[in-house]
C-alpha atoms as a PDB file:
ATOM      1  CA  MET A   1       0.021  -0.017  -0.127  1.00  0.00           C
ATOM      2  CA  LYS A   2       1.335   3.294  -0.947  1.00  0.00           C
ATOM      3  CA  THR A   3       1.901   5.835   1.851  1.00  0.00           C
ATOM      4  CA  TYR A   4       2.590   9.583   1.840  1.00  0.00           C
ATOM      5  CA  LYS A   5       4.398  11.815   4.316  1.00  0.00           C
ATOM      6  CA  VAL A   6       2.371  14.719   5.418  1.00  0.00           C
ATOM      7  CA  GLY A   7       3.978  17.214   3.057  1.00  0.00           C
ATOM      8  CA  GLU A   8       3.292  15.022   0.098  1.00  0.00           C
ATOM      9  CA  PHE A   9      -0.359  14.335   1.179  1.00  0.00           C
ATOM     10  CA  ALA A  10      -0.937  17.971   1.657  1.00  0.00           C
ATOM     11  CA  GLU A  11       0.379  18.742  -1.826  1.00  0.00           C
ATOM     12  CA  LEU A  12      -1.783  15.920  -3.225  1.00  0.00           C
ATOM     13  CA  LEU A  13      -4.962  17.266  -1.630  1.00  0.00           C
ATOM     14  CA  GLY A  14      -3.902  20.953  -2.357  1.00  0.00           C
ATOM     15  CA  VAL A  15      -4.057  21.963   1.250  1.00  0.00           C
ATOM     16  CA  HIS A  16      -1.407  23.296   3.575  1.00  0.00           C
ATOM     17  CA  VAL A  17       0.390  20.925   6.149  1.00  0.00           C
ATOM     18  CA  LYS A  18      -1.161  22.896   8.990  1.00  0.00           C
ATOM     19  CA  THR A  19      -4.572  22.175   7.679  1.00  0.00           C
ATOM     20  CA  LEU A  20      -3.826  18.391   7.651  1.00  0.00           C
ATOM     21  CA  GLN A  21      -2.476  18.695  11.240  1.00  0.00           C
ATOM     22  CA  ALA A  22      -5.717  20.413  12.352  1.00  0.00           C
ATOM     23  CA  TRP A  23      -7.788  17.895  10.561  1.00  0.00           C
ATOM     24  CA  ASP A  24      -5.844  15.078  12.356  1.00  0.00           C
ATOM     25  CA  LYS A  25      -6.302  16.845  15.651  1.00  0.00           C
ATOM     26  CA  ASP A  26     -10.031  17.457  15.127  1.00  0.00           C
ATOM     27  CA  GLY A  27     -10.609  13.992  13.816  1.00  0.00           C
ATOM     28  CA  VAL A  28     -11.655  15.101  10.247  1.00  0.00           C
ATOM     29  CA  LEU A  29      -8.812  13.152   8.587  1.00  0.00           C
ATOM     30  CA  LYS A  30      -6.805  11.156  10.982  1.00  0.00           C
ATOM     31  CA  ALA A  31      -3.274  10.415  10.227  1.00  0.00           C
ATOM     32  CA  PHE A  32      -1.546   7.115  10.879  1.00  0.00           C
ATOM     33  CA  ARG A  33       1.596   7.242  13.011  1.00  0.00           C
ATOM     34  CA  THR A  34       4.983   5.539  12.586  1.00  0.00           C
ATOM     35  CA  PRO A  35       6.588   3.837  15.656  1.00  0.00           C
ATOM     36  CA  THR A  36       8.506   7.181  16.068  1.00  0.00           C
ATOM     37  CA  GLY A  37       5.381   9.196  16.076  1.00  0.00           C
ATOM     38  CA  ARG A  38       5.630  10.691  12.560  1.00  0.00           C
ATOM     39  CA  ARG A  39       2.406  11.245  10.778  1.00  0.00           C
ATOM     40  CA  TYR A  40       1.617   9.499   7.404  1.00  0.00           C
ATOM     41  CA  TYR A  41      -1.315   8.981   5.123  1.00  0.00           C
ATOM     42  CA  THR A  42      -2.345   6.129   2.687  1.00  0.00           C
ATOM     43  CA  GLU A  43      -3.583   5.840  -0.728  1.00  0.00           C
ATOM     44  CA  GLU A  44      -6.882   4.517   0.553  1.00  0.00           C
ATOM     45  CA  GLN A  45      -7.339   7.797   2.600  1.00  0.00           C
ATOM     46  CA  TYR A  46      -6.595   9.678  -0.485  1.00  0.00           C
ATOM     47  CA  LYS A  47      -9.292   7.824  -2.470  1.00  0.00           C
ATOM     48  CA  ARG A  48     -11.793   8.106   0.303  1.00  0.00           C
ATOM     49  CA  TYR A  49     -11.087  11.799   0.683  1.00  0.00           C
ATOM     50  CA  MET A  50     -11.605  12.389  -2.935  1.00  0.00           C
ATOM     51  CA  LEU A  51     -14.909  10.376  -2.953  1.00  0.00           C
ATOM     52  CA  GLU A  52     -16.340  12.119   0.119  1.00  0.00           C
ATOM     53  CA  SER A  53     -15.268  15.589  -0.863  1.00  0.00           C
ATOM     54  CA  ASN A  54     -18.032  17.674  -2.303  1.00  0.00           C
ATOM     55  CA  GLY A  55     -17.519  19.114  -5.725  1.00  0.00           C
ATOM     56  CA  LYS A  56     -16.497  18.101  -9.179  1.00  0.00           C
ATOM     57  CA  VAL A  57     -13.166  17.492 -10.858  1.00  0.00           C
ATOM     58  CA  VAL A  58     -12.801  19.604 -13.902  1.00  0.00           C
ATOM     59  CA  ALA A  59     -10.226  19.082 -16.732  1.00  0.00           C
ATOM     60  CA  TYR A  60      -9.764  22.593 -18.217  1.00  0.00           C
ATOM     61  CA  CYS A  61      -8.585  23.028 -21.831  1.00  0.00           C
ATOM     62  CA  ARG A  62      -7.937  26.305 -23.704  1.00  0.00           C
ATOM     63  CA  ILE A  63      -6.808  27.286 -27.178  1.00  0.00           C
ATOM     64  CA  ASN A  64      -6.190  30.774 -28.494  1.00  0.00           C
ATOM     65  CA  PHE A  65      -7.887  30.509 -31.912  1.00  0.00           C
ATOM     66  CA  ARG A  66     -10.687  28.267 -33.258  1.00  0.00           C
ATOM     67  CA  GLU A  67      -8.313  26.956 -35.902  1.00  0.00           C
ATOM     68  CA  GLN A  68      -6.448  25.024 -33.258  1.00  0.00           C
ATOM     69  CA  LYS A  69      -9.139  22.349 -32.711  1.00  0.00           C
ATOM     70  CA  GLU A  70      -6.345  19.614 -33.220  1.00  0.00           C
ATOM     71  CA  LEU A  71      -4.485  21.021 -30.144  1.00  0.00           C
ATOM     72  CA  LEU A  72      -7.798  21.147 -28.213  1.00  0.00           C
ATOM     73  CA  GLU A  73      -8.413  17.529 -28.907  1.00  0.00           C
ATOM     74  CA  ALA A  74      -4.801  16.799 -27.903  1.00  0.00           C
ATOM     75  CA  GLN A  75      -5.306  18.521 -24.671  1.00  0.00           C
ATOM     76  CA  LYS A  76      -8.460  16.595 -24.031  1.00  0.00           C
ATOM     77  CA  GLU A  77      -6.921  13.240 -24.791  1.00  0.00           C
ATOM     78  CA  ALA A  78      -3.856  13.908 -22.509  1.00  0.00           C
ATOM     79  CA  LEU A  79      -6.226  14.794 -19.614  1.00  0.00           C
ATOM     80  CA  LYS A  80      -8.396  11.691 -20.317  1.00  0.00           C
ATOM     81  CA  LYS A  81      -5.236   9.510 -20.050  1.00  0.00           C
ATOM     82  CA  TYR A  82      -4.203  11.329 -16.866  1.00  0.00           C
ATOM     83  CA  PHE A  83      -7.450  10.715 -15.192  1.00  0.00           C
ATOM     84  CA  GLU A  84      -7.589   7.101 -16.346  1.00  0.00           C
ATOM     85  CA  GLY A  85      -4.110   6.619 -14.884  1.00  0.00           C
ATOM     86  CA  ARG A  86      -5.203   7.683 -11.469  1.00  0.00           C
ATOM     87  CA  GLY A  87      -8.478   5.694 -11.715  1.00  0.00           C
ATOM     88  CA  GLU A  88     -10.653   8.722 -11.898  1.00  0.00           C
ATOM     89  CA  VAL A  89     -13.799   8.003 -13.791  1.00  0.00           C
ATOM     90  CA  GLU A  90     -15.900  10.998 -13.113  1.00  0.00           C
ATOM     91  CA  PHE A  91     -14.710  14.356 -14.252  1.00  0.00           C
ATOM     92  CA  GLN A  92     -16.010  17.240 -16.379  1.00  0.00           C
ATOM     93  CA  VAL A  93     -14.100  18.518 -19.394  1.00  0.00           C
ATOM     94  CA  VAL A  94     -14.375  22.410 -19.858  1.00  0.00           C
ATOM     95  CA  CYS A  95     -12.993  23.797 -23.153  1.00  0.00           C
ATOM     96  CA  GLU A  96     -12.619  27.337 -24.206  1.00  0.00           C
ATOM     97  CA  VAL A  97     -11.266  29.505 -26.954  1.00  0.00           C
ATOM     98  CA  GLY A  98      -9.612  32.713 -25.614  1.00  0.00           C
ATOM     99  CA  ASP A  99      -6.486  34.539 -24.540  1.00  0.00           C
ATOM    100  CA  GLY A 100      -4.774  33.381 -21.383  1.00  0.00           C
ATOM    101  CA  MET A 101      -4.227  36.905 -20.236  1.00  0.00           C
ATOM    102  CA  ASP A 102      -7.981  37.553 -20.563  1.00  0.00           C
ATOM    103  CA  PHE A 103      -9.456  37.097 -17.008  1.00  0.00           C
ATOM    104  CA  GLU A 104     -12.960  37.689 -18.303  1.00  0.00           C
ATOM    105  CA  ARG A 105     -13.114  34.456 -20.274  1.00  0.00           C
ATOM    106  CA  GLU A 106     -16.579  32.944 -19.582  1.00  0.00           C
ATOM    107  CA  GLU A 107     -15.623  29.371 -18.825  1.00  0.00           C
ATOM    108  CA  PHE A 108     -12.471  30.366 -16.914  1.00  0.00           C
ATOM    109  CA  ARG A 109     -14.547  32.593 -14.609  1.00  0.00           C
ATOM    110  CA  ARG A 110     -17.308  29.981 -14.233  1.00  0.00           C
ATOM    111  CA  VAL A 111     -14.690  27.279 -13.308  1.00  0.00           C
ATOM    112  CA  LEU A 112     -12.962  29.839 -10.890  1.00  0.00           C
ATOM    113  CA  MET A 113     -16.143  30.828  -9.178  1.00  0.00           C
ATOM    114  CA  GLY A 114     -17.233  27.192  -8.905  1.00  0.00           C
ATOM    115  CA  ALA A 115     -14.009  26.300  -7.219  1.00  0.00           C
ATOM    116  CA  LEU A 116     -14.264  29.268  -4.740  1.00  0.00           C
ATOM    117  CA  SER A 117     -17.864  28.379  -3.903  1.00  0.00           C
ATOM    118  CA  GLY A 118     -17.071  24.626  -3.194  1.00  0.00           C
ATOM    119  CA  ASP A 119     -18.791  23.209  -6.266  1.00  0.00           C
ATOM    120  CA  ILE A 120     -15.387  22.269  -7.746  1.00  0.00           C
ATOM    121  CA  LYS A 121     -12.741  20.379  -5.729  1.00  0.00           C
ATOM    122  CA  GLU A 122      -9.927  20.123  -8.377  1.00  0.00           C
ATOM    123  CA  ILE A 123      -9.030  21.679 -11.627  1.00  0.00           C
ATOM    124  CA  VAL A 124      -6.434  19.949 -13.885  1.00  0.00           C
ATOM    125  CA  VAL A 125      -4.644  21.497 -16.868  1.00  0.00           C
ATOM    126  CA  VAL A 126      -1.937  20.064 -19.212  1.00  0.00           C
ATOM    127  CA  HIS A 127       0.138  23.211 -18.744  1.00  0.00           C
ATOM    128  CA  SER A 128      -0.349  26.123 -16.345  1.00  0.00           C
ATOM    129  CA  ASP A 129      -0.560  28.675 -19.091  1.00  0.00           C
ATOM    130  CA  ARG A 130      -3.634  26.803 -20.445  1.00  0.00           C
ATOM    131  CA  PHE A 131      -5.248  28.167 -17.523  1.00  0.00           C
ATOM    132  CA  VAL A 132      -3.716  31.488 -17.232  1.00  0.00           C
ATOM    133  CA  LEU A 133      -0.529  33.198 -18.593  1.00  0.00           C
ATOM    134  CA  ALA A 134       0.140  35.096 -15.454  1.00  0.00           C
ATOM    135  CA  ALA A 135      -0.604  34.480 -11.706  1.00  0.00           C
ATOM    136  CA  PHE A 136      -0.993  30.586 -11.926  1.00  0.00           C
ATOM    137  CA  GLU A 137       0.721  30.115  -8.546  1.00  0.00           C
ATOM    138  CA  LEU A 138      -1.284  32.844  -6.908  1.00  0.00           C
ATOM    139  CA  ILE A 139      -4.494  31.483  -8.011  1.00  0.00           C
ATOM    140  CA  LYS A 140      -3.358  27.947  -6.989  1.00  0.00           C
ATOM    141  CA  ASP A 141      -2.535  29.304  -3.427  1.00  0.00           C
ATOM    142  CA  ILE A 142      -5.811  31.141  -3.239  1.00  0.00           C
ATOM    143  CA  LEU A 143      -7.780  27.999  -4.262  1.00  0.00           C
ATOM    144  CA  GLY A 144      -5.628  25.964  -1.756  1.00  0.00           C
ATOM    145  CA  THR A 145      -6.978  27.916   1.126  1.00  0.00           C
ATOM    146  CA  ARG A 146     -10.451  26.738   0.125  1.00  0.00           C
ATOM    147  CA  GLY A 147      -9.289  23.181  -0.177  1.00  0.00           C
ATOM    148  CA  VAL A 148      -9.276  23.111  -4.042  1.00  0.00           C
ATOM    149  CA  LYS A 149      -6.489  21.533  -5.889  1.00  0.00           C
ATOM    150  CA  LEU A 150      -5.237  23.294  -9.040  1.00  0.00           C
ATOM    151  CA  THR A 151      -2.943  20.616 -10.821  1.00  0.00           C
ATOM    152  CA  ASP A 152      -0.671  21.447 -13.641  1.00  0.00           C
ATOM    153  CA  LEU A 153       0.552  18.467 -15.450  1.00  0.00           C
ATOM    154  CA  GLY A 154       3.461  20.469 -16.616  1.00  0.00           C
ATOM    155  CA  ASN A 155       3.520  19.187 -20.249  1.00  0.00           C
ATOM    156  CA  SER A 156       5.350  21.909 -22.175  1.00  0.00           C
ATOM    157  CA  MET A 157       4.291  20.346 -25.450  1.00  0.00           C
ATOM    158  CA  TYR A 158       0.883  22.149 -24.852  1.00  0.00           C
ATOM    159  CA  SER A 159       2.238  25.403 -23.550  1.00  0.00           C
ATOM    160  CA  SER A 160       0.793  28.291 -25.464  1.00  0.00           C
ATOM    161  CA  ARG A 161       4.421  29.679 -25.490  1.00  0.00           C
ATOM    162  CA  VAL A 162       5.391  26.834 -27.852  1.00  0.00           C
ATOM    163  CA  GLU A 163       2.509  27.565 -30.271  1.00  0.00           C
ATOM    164  CA  LYS A 164       3.513  31.119 -30.460  1.00  0.00           C
ATOM    165  CA  GLY A 165       7.126  30.249 -30.953  1.00  0.00           C
ATOM    166  CA  ARG A 166       8.453  31.684 -27.822  1.00  0.00           C
END
């Protein structure tokens, strides 16, 4: 059975280590202890947490121009494989055409507001700049305070900087 150190598990859930410590203390998500008293968590706890958490898991895809439909399909396929690999069967794919610097994009705002309201528990993108071109880490930190995980698969093949030749 796979086990996680506290920091690893906090990152996996998209929460702060202190949040896990509080949850352990309050009985929300009890940690196991090694013989030396160190906390750890299991794969089973992760799966249970994800099933019991309210909210959807969203796979977010974005292209800059309508003519890039092949790129959009490639993003969707990469995300589908990612979710299959982690055994996730229920996720919603959200696709959008728009500039990554435009914070007024309709689907971007809908997903972000859904995450902030608790309707969405995780957002996964193939590359951070498919969600936003600036402030990804800030948005990730803000969502993390709400218990929402923003996952960047880090696949530079899908970066909008590559498509623009940067």
